[in-house]
N, C-alpha and C. Protein backbone atom coordinates (compact mmCIF):
# COMPACT_ATOMS: atom_id res chain seq x y z
N UNK A 1 -4.32 -72.44 -66.02
CA UNK A 1 -4.70 -73.07 -64.75
C UNK A 1 -3.63 -72.83 -63.69
N UNK A 2 -4.07 -72.72 -62.43
CA UNK A 2 -3.12 -72.69 -61.34
C UNK A 2 -2.59 -74.11 -61.16
N UNK A 3 -1.52 -74.24 -60.37
CA UNK A 3 -0.95 -75.56 -60.12
C UNK A 3 -1.98 -76.48 -59.47
N UNK A 4 -2.76 -75.92 -58.54
CA UNK A 4 -3.79 -76.72 -57.86
C UNK A 4 -4.87 -77.17 -58.83
N UNK A 5 -5.31 -76.27 -59.70
CA UNK A 5 -6.34 -76.61 -60.68
C UNK A 5 -5.82 -77.67 -61.66
N UNK A 6 -4.56 -77.52 -62.07
CA UNK A 6 -3.98 -78.50 -62.98
C UNK A 6 -3.89 -79.87 -62.33
N UNK A 7 -3.49 -79.88 -61.07
CA UNK A 7 -3.39 -81.16 -60.34
C UNK A 7 -4.76 -81.83 -60.25
N UNK A 8 -5.78 -81.04 -59.92
CA UNK A 8 -7.14 -81.59 -59.83
C UNK A 8 -7.60 -82.14 -61.17
N UNK A 9 -7.29 -81.40 -62.25
CA UNK A 9 -7.67 -81.85 -63.58
C UNK A 9 -6.98 -83.17 -63.92
N UNK A 10 -5.69 -83.27 -63.63
CA UNK A 10 -4.94 -84.48 -63.95
C UNK A 10 -5.45 -85.69 -63.17
N UNK A 11 -5.81 -85.47 -61.91
CA UNK A 11 -6.35 -86.57 -61.11
C UNK A 11 -7.67 -87.07 -61.71
N UNK A 12 -8.53 -86.14 -62.12
CA UNK A 12 -9.80 -86.52 -62.73
C UNK A 12 -9.61 -87.28 -64.03
N UNK A 13 -8.70 -86.80 -64.87
CA UNK A 13 -8.42 -87.48 -66.13
C UNK A 13 -7.83 -88.86 -65.87
N UNK A 14 -6.87 -88.93 -64.94
CA UNK A 14 -6.22 -90.21 -64.63
C UNK A 14 -7.22 -91.22 -64.10
N UNK A 15 -8.17 -90.78 -63.31
CA UNK A 15 -9.18 -91.70 -62.79
C UNK A 15 -9.93 -92.36 -63.94
N UNK A 16 -10.30 -91.59 -64.93
CA UNK A 16 -10.99 -92.14 -66.09
C UNK A 16 -10.13 -93.12 -66.87
N UNK A 17 -8.85 -92.80 -67.00
CA UNK A 17 -7.93 -93.68 -67.73
C UNK A 17 -7.73 -95.00 -66.98
N UNK A 18 -7.50 -94.92 -65.67
CA UNK A 18 -7.31 -96.14 -64.88
C UNK A 18 -8.58 -96.98 -64.86
N UNK A 19 -9.73 -96.34 -64.80
CA UNK A 19 -11.00 -97.08 -64.80
C UNK A 19 -11.20 -97.83 -66.11
N UNK A 20 -10.82 -97.18 -67.20
CA UNK A 20 -11.03 -97.76 -68.53
C UNK A 20 -9.99 -98.81 -68.90
N UNK A 21 -8.72 -98.53 -68.56
CA UNK A 21 -7.62 -99.37 -69.05
C UNK A 21 -6.97 -100.21 -67.96
N UNK A 22 -7.26 -99.94 -66.69
CA UNK A 22 -6.56 -100.61 -65.61
C UNK A 22 -5.18 -100.00 -65.42
N UNK A 23 -4.52 -100.36 -64.32
CA UNK A 23 -3.22 -99.77 -64.05
C UNK A 23 -2.20 -100.14 -65.11
N UNK A 24 -2.14 -101.42 -65.43
CA UNK A 24 -1.13 -101.87 -66.39
C UNK A 24 -1.36 -101.30 -67.78
N UNK A 25 -2.61 -101.12 -68.17
CA UNK A 25 -2.91 -100.61 -69.50
C UNK A 25 -2.77 -99.10 -69.62
N UNK A 26 -2.83 -98.42 -68.48
CA UNK A 26 -2.73 -96.95 -68.49
C UNK A 26 -1.28 -96.52 -68.65
N UNK A 27 -1.09 -95.30 -69.11
CA UNK A 27 0.27 -94.77 -69.27
C UNK A 27 0.25 -93.26 -69.03
N UNK A 28 1.42 -92.73 -68.68
CA UNK A 28 1.54 -91.28 -68.52
C UNK A 28 1.23 -90.59 -69.85
N UNK A 29 1.63 -91.22 -70.95
CA UNK A 29 1.35 -90.64 -72.27
C UNK A 29 -0.15 -90.48 -72.49
N UNK A 30 -0.91 -91.51 -72.13
CA UNK A 30 -2.36 -91.47 -72.32
C UNK A 30 -3.00 -90.41 -71.43
N UNK A 31 -2.57 -90.35 -70.19
CA UNK A 31 -3.12 -89.35 -69.26
C UNK A 31 -2.81 -87.94 -69.76
N UNK A 32 -1.57 -87.73 -70.19
CA UNK A 32 -1.18 -86.41 -70.68
C UNK A 32 -1.96 -86.03 -71.93
N UNK A 33 -2.12 -86.99 -72.83
CA UNK A 33 -2.84 -86.71 -74.08
C UNK A 33 -4.28 -86.31 -73.80
N UNK A 34 -4.94 -87.03 -72.90
CA UNK A 34 -6.34 -86.73 -72.61
C UNK A 34 -6.48 -85.41 -71.86
N UNK A 35 -5.45 -85.07 -71.08
CA UNK A 35 -5.49 -83.80 -70.34
C UNK A 35 -4.99 -82.63 -71.18
N UNK A 36 -4.48 -82.97 -72.41
CA UNK A 36 -3.95 -81.97 -73.32
C UNK A 36 -2.78 -81.20 -72.70
N UNK A 37 -1.87 -81.98 -72.09
CA UNK A 37 -0.64 -81.41 -71.54
C UNK A 37 0.51 -82.30 -72.00
N UNK A 38 1.74 -81.86 -71.76
CA UNK A 38 2.91 -82.68 -72.08
C UNK A 38 3.18 -83.65 -70.94
N UNK A 39 3.89 -84.73 -71.26
CA UNK A 39 4.21 -85.72 -70.22
C UNK A 39 4.97 -85.11 -69.03
N UNK A 40 5.92 -84.19 -69.28
CA UNK A 40 6.64 -83.62 -68.13
C UNK A 40 5.73 -82.95 -67.10
N UNK A 41 4.56 -82.45 -67.54
CA UNK A 41 3.64 -81.82 -66.59
C UNK A 41 3.13 -82.86 -65.60
N UNK A 42 2.80 -84.05 -66.11
CA UNK A 42 2.32 -85.13 -65.23
C UNK A 42 3.44 -85.54 -64.27
N UNK A 43 4.65 -85.70 -64.81
CA UNK A 43 5.78 -86.09 -63.96
C UNK A 43 6.08 -85.03 -62.90
N UNK A 44 5.94 -83.77 -63.28
CA UNK A 44 6.21 -82.68 -62.34
C UNK A 44 5.28 -82.73 -61.14
N UNK A 45 4.00 -83.04 -61.39
CA UNK A 45 3.01 -83.04 -60.31
C UNK A 45 3.01 -84.34 -59.50
N UNK A 46 3.29 -85.48 -60.14
CA UNK A 46 3.08 -86.76 -59.47
C UNK A 46 4.28 -87.70 -59.51
N UNK A 47 5.32 -87.37 -60.27
CA UNK A 47 6.49 -88.21 -60.32
C UNK A 47 6.38 -89.42 -61.22
N UNK A 48 5.19 -89.71 -61.72
CA UNK A 48 5.02 -90.86 -62.60
C UNK A 48 3.65 -91.48 -62.44
N UNK A 49 3.46 -92.61 -63.10
CA UNK A 49 2.14 -93.25 -63.11
C UNK A 49 1.73 -93.75 -61.73
N UNK A 50 2.65 -94.37 -61.01
CA UNK A 50 2.28 -94.88 -59.69
C UNK A 50 1.91 -93.75 -58.74
N UNK A 51 2.58 -92.62 -58.88
CA UNK A 51 2.27 -91.49 -58.01
C UNK A 51 0.86 -90.97 -58.22
N UNK A 52 0.45 -90.81 -59.47
CA UNK A 52 -0.89 -90.29 -59.72
C UNK A 52 -1.94 -91.35 -59.40
N UNK A 53 -1.60 -92.62 -59.61
CA UNK A 53 -2.51 -93.71 -59.24
C UNK A 53 -2.76 -93.69 -57.73
N UNK A 54 -1.70 -93.50 -56.95
CA UNK A 54 -1.83 -93.47 -55.49
C UNK A 54 -2.77 -92.36 -55.05
N UNK A 55 -2.66 -91.19 -55.68
CA UNK A 55 -3.53 -90.07 -55.32
C UNK A 55 -4.98 -90.38 -55.66
N UNK A 56 -5.20 -90.95 -56.84
CA UNK A 56 -6.57 -91.31 -57.25
C UNK A 56 -7.18 -92.29 -56.26
N UNK A 57 -6.46 -93.35 -55.95
CA UNK A 57 -6.98 -94.38 -55.05
C UNK A 57 -7.20 -93.84 -53.64
N UNK A 58 -6.26 -93.06 -53.15
CA UNK A 58 -6.40 -92.50 -51.80
C UNK A 58 -7.63 -91.59 -51.71
N UNK A 59 -7.84 -90.76 -52.73
CA UNK A 59 -8.99 -89.85 -52.71
C UNK A 59 -10.31 -90.61 -52.78
N UNK A 60 -10.37 -91.62 -53.65
CA UNK A 60 -11.60 -92.39 -53.78
C UNK A 60 -11.87 -93.19 -52.51
N UNK A 61 -10.82 -93.77 -51.94
CA UNK A 61 -10.98 -94.53 -50.70
C UNK A 61 -11.51 -93.65 -49.58
N UNK A 62 -10.92 -92.46 -49.44
CA UNK A 62 -11.35 -91.55 -48.39
C UNK A 62 -12.80 -91.11 -48.60
N UNK A 63 -13.18 -90.88 -49.85
CA UNK A 63 -14.54 -90.44 -50.14
C UNK A 63 -15.56 -91.52 -49.82
N UNK A 64 -15.26 -92.76 -50.22
CA UNK A 64 -16.19 -93.85 -49.95
C UNK A 64 -16.29 -94.13 -48.45
N UNK A 65 -15.15 -94.12 -47.77
CA UNK A 65 -15.16 -94.37 -46.33
C UNK A 65 -15.96 -93.30 -45.60
N UNK A 66 -15.81 -92.06 -46.03
CA UNK A 66 -16.56 -90.96 -45.40
C UNK A 66 -18.05 -91.11 -45.66
N UNK A 67 -18.43 -91.53 -46.86
CA UNK A 67 -19.85 -91.72 -47.18
C UNK A 67 -20.47 -92.78 -46.28
N UNK A 68 -19.70 -93.84 -45.99
CA UNK A 68 -20.22 -94.90 -45.13
C UNK A 68 -20.20 -94.47 -43.67
N UNK A 69 -19.08 -93.92 -43.22
CA UNK A 69 -18.93 -93.55 -41.82
C UNK A 69 -19.93 -92.47 -41.41
N UNK A 70 -20.27 -91.57 -42.34
CA UNK A 70 -21.18 -90.48 -42.01
C UNK A 70 -22.60 -90.98 -41.70
N UNK A 71 -22.91 -92.21 -42.10
CA UNK A 71 -24.25 -92.75 -41.86
C UNK A 71 -24.30 -93.70 -40.67
N UNK A 72 -23.16 -93.88 -40.03
CA UNK A 72 -23.11 -94.75 -38.86
C UNK A 72 -22.96 -93.91 -37.61
N UNK A 73 -23.42 -94.45 -36.50
CA UNK A 73 -23.28 -93.70 -35.25
C UNK A 73 -24.05 -94.39 -34.14
N UNK A 74 -23.72 -94.06 -32.90
CA UNK A 74 -24.33 -94.74 -31.74
C UNK A 74 -25.84 -94.49 -31.61
N UNK A 75 -26.33 -93.43 -32.23
CA UNK A 75 -27.75 -93.11 -32.10
C UNK A 75 -28.61 -93.72 -33.21
N UNK A 76 -27.97 -94.45 -34.12
CA UNK A 76 -28.70 -95.06 -35.23
C UNK A 76 -28.94 -96.53 -34.89
N UNK A 77 -30.17 -97.01 -35.07
CA UNK A 77 -30.50 -98.39 -34.76
C UNK A 77 -29.68 -99.35 -35.61
N UNK A 78 -29.43 -100.55 -35.06
CA UNK A 78 -28.55 -101.51 -35.72
C UNK A 78 -29.05 -101.86 -37.12
N UNK A 79 -30.34 -102.11 -37.26
CA UNK A 79 -30.88 -102.46 -38.58
C UNK A 79 -30.66 -101.33 -39.58
N UNK A 80 -30.90 -100.10 -39.13
CA UNK A 80 -30.73 -98.94 -40.01
C UNK A 80 -29.26 -98.75 -40.38
N UNK A 81 -28.35 -99.09 -39.47
CA UNK A 81 -26.93 -98.95 -39.76
C UNK A 81 -26.52 -99.90 -40.89
N UNK A 82 -27.06 -101.12 -40.86
CA UNK A 82 -26.77 -102.07 -41.93
C UNK A 82 -27.30 -101.54 -43.25
N UNK A 83 -28.54 -101.06 -43.23
CA UNK A 83 -29.15 -100.57 -44.45
C UNK A 83 -28.43 -99.34 -44.99
N UNK A 84 -28.07 -98.42 -44.11
CA UNK A 84 -27.40 -97.20 -44.54
C UNK A 84 -25.99 -97.48 -45.08
N UNK A 85 -25.31 -98.46 -44.50
CA UNK A 85 -23.99 -98.84 -45.01
C UNK A 85 -24.11 -99.38 -46.43
N UNK A 86 -25.09 -100.25 -46.64
CA UNK A 86 -25.30 -100.81 -47.98
C UNK A 86 -25.67 -99.71 -48.97
N UNK A 87 -26.56 -98.82 -48.56
CA UNK A 87 -26.99 -97.74 -49.45
C UNK A 87 -25.84 -96.79 -49.77
N UNK A 88 -25.00 -96.51 -48.80
CA UNK A 88 -23.86 -95.62 -49.04
C UNK A 88 -22.94 -96.21 -50.10
N UNK A 89 -22.70 -97.51 -50.01
CA UNK A 89 -21.84 -98.17 -50.98
C UNK A 89 -22.48 -98.14 -52.37
N UNK A 90 -23.77 -98.42 -52.43
CA UNK A 90 -24.48 -98.41 -53.72
C UNK A 90 -24.58 -96.99 -54.28
N UNK A 91 -24.76 -96.01 -53.40
CA UNK A 91 -24.77 -94.61 -53.84
C UNK A 91 -23.45 -94.24 -54.51
N UNK A 92 -22.36 -94.69 -53.90
CA UNK A 92 -21.04 -94.39 -54.44
C UNK A 92 -20.87 -95.02 -55.82
N UNK A 93 -21.26 -96.27 -55.94
CA UNK A 93 -21.15 -96.98 -57.23
C UNK A 93 -21.96 -96.26 -58.30
N UNK A 94 -23.18 -95.86 -57.94
CA UNK A 94 -24.05 -95.19 -58.90
C UNK A 94 -23.51 -93.82 -59.30
N UNK A 95 -22.99 -93.09 -58.32
CA UNK A 95 -22.53 -91.72 -58.58
C UNK A 95 -21.18 -91.69 -59.27
N UNK A 96 -20.34 -92.69 -59.02
CA UNK A 96 -18.98 -92.65 -59.55
C UNK A 96 -18.51 -94.04 -59.97
N UNK A 97 -19.05 -94.57 -61.05
CA UNK A 97 -18.63 -95.91 -61.49
C UNK A 97 -17.15 -95.98 -61.82
N UNK A 98 -16.56 -94.88 -62.30
CA UNK A 98 -15.12 -94.89 -62.59
C UNK A 98 -14.32 -95.08 -61.30
N UNK A 99 -14.70 -94.36 -60.26
CA UNK A 99 -14.00 -94.51 -58.99
C UNK A 99 -14.10 -95.93 -58.46
N UNK A 100 -15.27 -96.52 -58.57
CA UNK A 100 -15.45 -97.89 -58.10
C UNK A 100 -14.60 -98.86 -58.91
N UNK A 101 -14.52 -98.66 -60.22
CA UNK A 101 -13.70 -99.55 -61.05
C UNK A 101 -12.23 -99.45 -60.67
N UNK A 102 -11.78 -98.24 -60.38
CA UNK A 102 -10.38 -98.08 -59.97
C UNK A 102 -10.13 -98.82 -58.65
N UNK A 103 -11.04 -98.67 -57.70
CA UNK A 103 -10.85 -99.29 -56.39
C UNK A 103 -10.89 -100.81 -56.46
N UNK A 104 -11.67 -101.36 -57.37
CA UNK A 104 -11.82 -102.81 -57.41
C UNK A 104 -10.83 -103.49 -58.34
N UNK A 105 -10.05 -102.72 -59.08
CA UNK A 105 -9.01 -103.33 -59.91
C UNK A 105 -7.81 -103.67 -59.04
N UNK A 106 -6.94 -104.54 -59.57
CA UNK A 106 -5.73 -104.91 -58.85
C UNK A 106 -4.79 -103.71 -58.72
N UNK A 107 -4.04 -103.69 -57.62
CA UNK A 107 -3.01 -102.68 -57.44
C UNK A 107 -1.83 -102.99 -58.35
N UNK A 108 -0.94 -102.03 -58.56
CA UNK A 108 0.24 -102.28 -59.40
C UNK A 108 1.03 -103.49 -58.92
N UNK A 109 1.63 -104.21 -59.85
CA UNK A 109 2.43 -105.39 -59.51
C UNK A 109 3.53 -105.00 -58.53
N UNK A 110 3.64 -105.77 -57.46
CA UNK A 110 4.69 -105.52 -56.47
C UNK A 110 4.33 -104.43 -55.47
N UNK A 111 3.15 -103.82 -55.64
CA UNK A 111 2.76 -102.75 -54.71
C UNK A 111 2.04 -103.35 -53.52
N UNK A 112 2.29 -102.82 -52.37
CA UNK A 112 1.60 -103.27 -51.17
C UNK A 112 0.37 -102.42 -50.92
N UNK A 113 -0.48 -102.28 -51.94
CA UNK A 113 -1.66 -101.45 -51.74
C UNK A 113 -1.22 -100.02 -51.70
N UNK A 114 -1.15 -99.37 -52.84
CA UNK A 114 -0.55 -98.05 -52.97
C UNK A 114 -0.99 -97.12 -51.84
N UNK A 115 -0.05 -96.62 -51.09
CA UNK A 115 -0.30 -95.70 -49.97
C UNK A 115 -1.35 -96.24 -49.01
N UNK A 116 -1.44 -97.58 -48.91
CA UNK A 116 -2.43 -98.17 -48.03
C UNK A 116 -3.83 -97.99 -48.56
N UNK A 117 -3.99 -97.60 -49.82
CA UNK A 117 -5.30 -97.27 -50.34
C UNK A 117 -5.92 -98.32 -51.23
N UNK A 118 -5.40 -99.54 -51.22
CA UNK A 118 -5.99 -100.58 -52.04
C UNK A 118 -7.38 -100.91 -51.54
N UNK A 119 -8.15 -101.64 -52.34
CA UNK A 119 -9.49 -102.03 -51.93
C UNK A 119 -9.43 -102.84 -50.64
N UNK A 120 -8.43 -103.72 -50.54
CA UNK A 120 -8.31 -104.54 -49.33
C UNK A 120 -8.11 -103.66 -48.10
N UNK A 121 -7.26 -102.63 -48.24
CA UNK A 121 -7.05 -101.72 -47.12
C UNK A 121 -8.29 -100.93 -46.79
N UNK A 122 -8.99 -100.49 -47.83
CA UNK A 122 -10.22 -99.74 -47.62
C UNK A 122 -11.26 -100.60 -46.90
N UNK A 123 -11.42 -101.85 -47.34
CA UNK A 123 -12.42 -102.72 -46.74
C UNK A 123 -12.07 -103.03 -45.29
N UNK A 124 -10.78 -103.09 -44.97
CA UNK A 124 -10.39 -103.28 -43.58
C UNK A 124 -10.82 -102.08 -42.73
N UNK A 125 -10.70 -100.88 -43.29
CA UNK A 125 -11.14 -99.68 -42.58
C UNK A 125 -12.65 -99.69 -42.38
N UNK A 126 -13.38 -100.08 -43.42
CA UNK A 126 -14.84 -100.13 -43.32
C UNK A 126 -15.25 -101.20 -42.31
N UNK A 127 -14.58 -102.35 -42.36
CA UNK A 127 -14.89 -103.43 -41.43
C UNK A 127 -14.62 -103.00 -39.98
N UNK A 128 -13.58 -102.19 -39.78
CA UNK A 128 -13.28 -101.69 -38.43
C UNK A 128 -14.42 -100.82 -37.91
N UNK A 129 -15.01 -100.01 -38.81
CA UNK A 129 -16.17 -99.20 -38.42
C UNK A 129 -17.35 -100.11 -38.07
N UNK A 130 -17.57 -101.12 -38.91
CA UNK A 130 -18.68 -102.04 -38.67
C UNK A 130 -18.47 -102.82 -37.38
N UNK A 131 -17.22 -103.13 -37.10
CA UNK A 131 -16.90 -103.87 -35.87
C UNK A 131 -17.28 -103.08 -34.63
N UNK A 132 -17.06 -101.78 -34.66
CA UNK A 132 -17.44 -100.94 -33.52
C UNK A 132 -18.94 -101.02 -33.27
N UNK A 133 -19.70 -100.95 -34.37
CA UNK A 133 -21.16 -100.99 -34.26
C UNK A 133 -21.60 -102.35 -33.74
N UNK A 134 -21.05 -103.42 -34.32
CA UNK A 134 -21.46 -104.77 -33.93
C UNK A 134 -21.04 -105.09 -32.50
N UNK A 135 -19.90 -104.58 -32.07
CA UNK A 135 -19.45 -104.84 -30.70
C UNK A 135 -20.46 -104.29 -29.70
N UNK A 136 -21.00 -103.12 -29.96
CA UNK A 136 -22.02 -102.55 -29.08
C UNK A 136 -23.29 -103.41 -29.11
N UNK A 137 -23.67 -103.83 -30.32
CA UNK A 137 -24.86 -104.66 -30.48
C UNK A 137 -24.68 -106.00 -29.76
N UNK A 138 -23.51 -106.62 -29.91
CA UNK A 138 -23.25 -107.91 -29.28
C UNK A 138 -23.26 -107.77 -27.76
N UNK A 139 -22.64 -106.71 -27.26
CA UNK A 139 -22.60 -106.51 -25.81
C UNK A 139 -24.00 -106.34 -25.24
N UNK A 140 -24.83 -105.56 -25.94
CA UNK A 140 -26.20 -105.33 -25.47
C UNK A 140 -27.06 -106.59 -25.58
N UNK A 141 -26.68 -107.50 -26.49
CA UNK A 141 -27.48 -108.70 -26.73
C UNK A 141 -26.94 -109.92 -25.99
N UNK A 142 -25.89 -109.74 -25.22
CA UNK A 142 -25.32 -110.85 -24.48
C UNK A 142 -24.55 -111.83 -25.35
N UNK A 143 -24.08 -111.36 -26.51
CA UNK A 143 -23.32 -112.22 -27.42
C UNK A 143 -21.82 -112.02 -27.22
N UNK A 144 -21.04 -112.91 -27.76
CA UNK A 144 -19.59 -112.86 -27.62
C UNK A 144 -19.02 -111.70 -28.43
N UNK A 145 -18.56 -110.67 -27.74
CA UNK A 145 -18.03 -109.47 -28.40
C UNK A 145 -16.79 -109.81 -29.23
N UNK A 146 -16.05 -110.83 -28.82
CA UNK A 146 -14.83 -111.20 -29.57
C UNK A 146 -15.16 -111.71 -30.97
N UNK A 147 -16.42 -112.08 -31.21
CA UNK A 147 -16.81 -112.57 -32.53
C UNK A 147 -17.19 -111.43 -33.47
N UNK A 148 -17.26 -110.21 -32.96
CA UNK A 148 -17.70 -109.06 -33.79
C UNK A 148 -16.86 -108.89 -35.06
N UNK A 149 -15.51 -109.05 -35.01
CA UNK A 149 -14.74 -108.88 -36.25
C UNK A 149 -15.14 -109.87 -37.34
N UNK A 150 -15.50 -111.09 -36.97
CA UNK A 150 -15.90 -112.10 -37.96
C UNK A 150 -17.12 -111.61 -38.72
N UNK A 151 -18.13 -111.17 -37.97
CA UNK A 151 -19.37 -110.73 -38.59
C UNK A 151 -19.20 -109.41 -39.33
N UNK A 152 -18.32 -108.55 -38.83
CA UNK A 152 -18.07 -107.27 -39.50
C UNK A 152 -17.49 -107.50 -40.88
N UNK A 153 -16.49 -108.38 -40.97
CA UNK A 153 -15.87 -108.66 -42.26
C UNK A 153 -16.84 -109.40 -43.18
N UNK A 154 -17.67 -110.27 -42.60
CA UNK A 154 -18.66 -110.99 -43.41
C UNK A 154 -19.67 -110.02 -44.02
N UNK A 155 -20.13 -109.06 -43.22
CA UNK A 155 -21.10 -108.08 -43.71
C UNK A 155 -20.51 -107.22 -44.82
N UNK A 156 -19.30 -106.74 -44.58
CA UNK A 156 -18.65 -105.88 -45.58
C UNK A 156 -18.42 -106.66 -46.87
N UNK A 157 -17.95 -107.89 -46.75
CA UNK A 157 -17.72 -108.71 -47.93
C UNK A 157 -18.99 -108.94 -48.72
N UNK A 158 -20.09 -109.18 -48.02
CA UNK A 158 -21.36 -109.41 -48.68
C UNK A 158 -21.81 -108.16 -49.45
N UNK A 159 -21.71 -107.02 -48.81
CA UNK A 159 -22.15 -105.78 -49.44
C UNK A 159 -21.29 -105.45 -50.66
N UNK A 160 -19.98 -105.63 -50.53
CA UNK A 160 -19.08 -105.32 -51.64
C UNK A 160 -19.32 -106.26 -52.81
N UNK A 161 -19.48 -107.54 -52.53
CA UNK A 161 -19.68 -108.51 -53.62
C UNK A 161 -20.99 -108.25 -54.34
N UNK A 162 -22.05 -108.00 -53.58
CA UNK A 162 -23.33 -107.69 -54.21
C UNK A 162 -23.24 -106.36 -54.95
N UNK A 163 -22.53 -105.40 -54.37
CA UNK A 163 -22.37 -104.10 -55.03
C UNK A 163 -21.66 -104.22 -56.36
N UNK A 164 -20.64 -105.08 -56.43
CA UNK A 164 -19.92 -105.28 -57.69
C UNK A 164 -20.84 -105.91 -58.74
N UNK A 165 -21.66 -106.84 -58.30
CA UNK A 165 -22.63 -107.45 -59.22
C UNK A 165 -23.63 -106.40 -59.70
N UNK A 166 -24.14 -105.59 -58.77
CA UNK A 166 -25.15 -104.58 -59.11
C UNK A 166 -24.56 -103.51 -60.04
N UNK A 167 -23.28 -103.23 -59.88
CA UNK A 167 -22.62 -102.25 -60.75
C UNK A 167 -22.67 -102.70 -62.20
N UNK A 168 -22.66 -104.01 -62.42
CA UNK A 168 -22.69 -104.54 -63.78
C UNK A 168 -24.11 -104.60 -64.34
N UNK A 169 -25.07 -105.01 -63.52
CA UNK A 169 -26.44 -105.23 -64.04
C UNK A 169 -27.32 -104.00 -63.89
N UNK A 170 -27.08 -103.18 -62.83
CA UNK A 170 -27.84 -101.95 -62.63
C UNK A 170 -29.30 -102.14 -62.27
N UNK A 171 -29.68 -103.32 -61.85
CA UNK A 171 -31.08 -103.61 -61.53
C UNK A 171 -31.09 -104.76 -60.53
N UNK A 172 -32.01 -104.75 -59.56
CA UNK A 172 -33.12 -103.82 -59.31
C UNK A 172 -32.62 -102.50 -58.72
N UNK A 173 -33.53 -101.58 -58.41
CA UNK A 173 -33.13 -100.30 -57.83
C UNK A 173 -32.29 -100.50 -56.57
N UNK A 174 -31.38 -99.56 -56.33
CA UNK A 174 -30.45 -99.70 -55.21
C UNK A 174 -31.16 -99.83 -53.87
N UNK A 175 -32.30 -99.15 -53.71
CA UNK A 175 -33.02 -99.23 -52.44
C UNK A 175 -33.50 -100.66 -52.19
N UNK A 176 -33.94 -101.32 -53.26
CA UNK A 176 -34.39 -102.70 -53.13
C UNK A 176 -33.23 -103.63 -52.80
N UNK A 177 -32.10 -103.41 -53.45
CA UNK A 177 -30.91 -104.20 -53.16
C UNK A 177 -30.51 -104.03 -51.69
N UNK A 178 -30.50 -102.79 -51.22
CA UNK A 178 -30.14 -102.51 -49.83
C UNK A 178 -31.11 -103.17 -48.87
N UNK A 179 -32.39 -103.18 -49.21
CA UNK A 179 -33.39 -103.82 -48.35
C UNK A 179 -33.14 -105.32 -48.24
N UNK A 180 -32.82 -105.95 -49.36
CA UNK A 180 -32.54 -107.39 -49.33
C UNK A 180 -31.30 -107.70 -48.49
N UNK A 181 -30.26 -106.91 -48.69
CA UNK A 181 -29.05 -107.10 -47.90
C UNK A 181 -29.32 -106.92 -46.41
N UNK A 182 -30.12 -105.91 -46.09
CA UNK A 182 -30.44 -105.63 -44.70
C UNK A 182 -31.23 -106.77 -44.08
N UNK A 183 -32.21 -107.28 -44.81
CA UNK A 183 -33.03 -108.38 -44.29
C UNK A 183 -32.15 -109.60 -44.01
N UNK A 184 -31.30 -109.95 -44.98
CA UNK A 184 -30.44 -111.11 -44.80
C UNK A 184 -29.50 -110.93 -43.62
N UNK A 185 -28.85 -109.77 -43.55
CA UNK A 185 -27.87 -109.53 -42.50
C UNK A 185 -28.53 -109.39 -41.13
N UNK A 186 -29.54 -108.53 -41.06
CA UNK A 186 -30.09 -108.23 -39.74
C UNK A 186 -30.87 -109.40 -39.16
N UNK A 187 -31.65 -110.09 -39.98
CA UNK A 187 -32.40 -111.24 -39.46
C UNK A 187 -31.45 -112.32 -38.97
N UNK A 188 -30.32 -112.45 -39.65
CA UNK A 188 -29.32 -113.40 -39.17
C UNK A 188 -28.70 -112.96 -37.87
N UNK A 189 -28.34 -111.69 -37.76
CA UNK A 189 -27.74 -111.18 -36.54
C UNK A 189 -28.71 -111.26 -35.35
N UNK A 190 -29.98 -111.02 -35.64
CA UNK A 190 -30.98 -111.02 -34.57
C UNK A 190 -31.20 -112.41 -33.99
N UNK A 191 -30.79 -113.44 -34.72
CA UNK A 191 -31.01 -114.81 -34.27
C UNK A 191 -29.72 -115.54 -33.92
N UNK A 192 -28.67 -114.80 -33.73
CA UNK A 192 -27.40 -115.43 -33.37
C UNK A 192 -27.50 -116.08 -31.99
N UNK A 193 -27.02 -117.32 -31.85
CA UNK A 193 -27.02 -117.95 -30.52
C UNK A 193 -25.90 -117.37 -29.67
N UNK A 194 -26.11 -117.33 -28.37
CA UNK A 194 -25.07 -116.83 -27.47
C UNK A 194 -23.82 -117.71 -27.57
N UNK A 195 -24.04 -119.01 -27.79
CA UNK A 195 -22.93 -119.95 -27.97
C UNK A 195 -23.11 -120.62 -29.33
N UNK A 196 -22.30 -120.27 -30.34
CA UNK A 196 -22.50 -120.82 -31.67
C UNK A 196 -22.33 -122.33 -31.75
N UNK A 197 -21.74 -122.93 -30.70
CA UNK A 197 -21.57 -124.39 -30.68
C UNK A 197 -22.86 -125.10 -30.30
N UNK A 198 -23.84 -124.32 -29.82
CA UNK A 198 -25.11 -124.90 -29.40
C UNK A 198 -26.22 -124.37 -30.29
N UNK A 199 -26.26 -124.89 -31.50
CA UNK A 199 -27.27 -124.44 -32.47
C UNK A 199 -28.52 -125.28 -32.32
N UNK A 200 -29.64 -124.65 -32.65
CA UNK A 200 -30.89 -125.41 -32.67
C UNK A 200 -30.94 -126.30 -33.89
N UNK A 201 -31.75 -127.33 -33.88
CA UNK A 201 -31.85 -128.25 -35.02
C UNK A 201 -32.68 -127.66 -36.13
């Protein structure tokens, strides 16, 4: 293998190990054994377990964020943006359960979200994308644009929590799950009062 091919192989193997054993349970020895290389090869490419973990998490975070961001845009209706965001997340879980397990596990002890790629950091990035969409929707609807971050984080949290549940049960079909999430989110957004302190009875 070339150095690049070896690095790609090690990242793939490490992702499986971290998904199965978690960060604390994983070891350079285990990664090397599964990749059929010596431990020094892993150290040469990544410097150690935290280094290869950082690469795995950064790559998975970037891939998931791109899957979601690619379905959002100013020309897509608000309801469809909610549905497409949910579907992108569920698509990722279905296509790469190992990647999702790595992202949802705790970061190494004492780590501030390895390379900024922890799930918390990723969700902040996704929420920032959602905030842009909601800010436009709020402005067009005469709602308080300053409240957009609250609803953006609420939407992302809802999708992630339901996605984690769906990853375990695998049913109903992802399209149905996305439809339910969309109905709950969009119907609520469509009925937001201009002043939340003045709710109807």
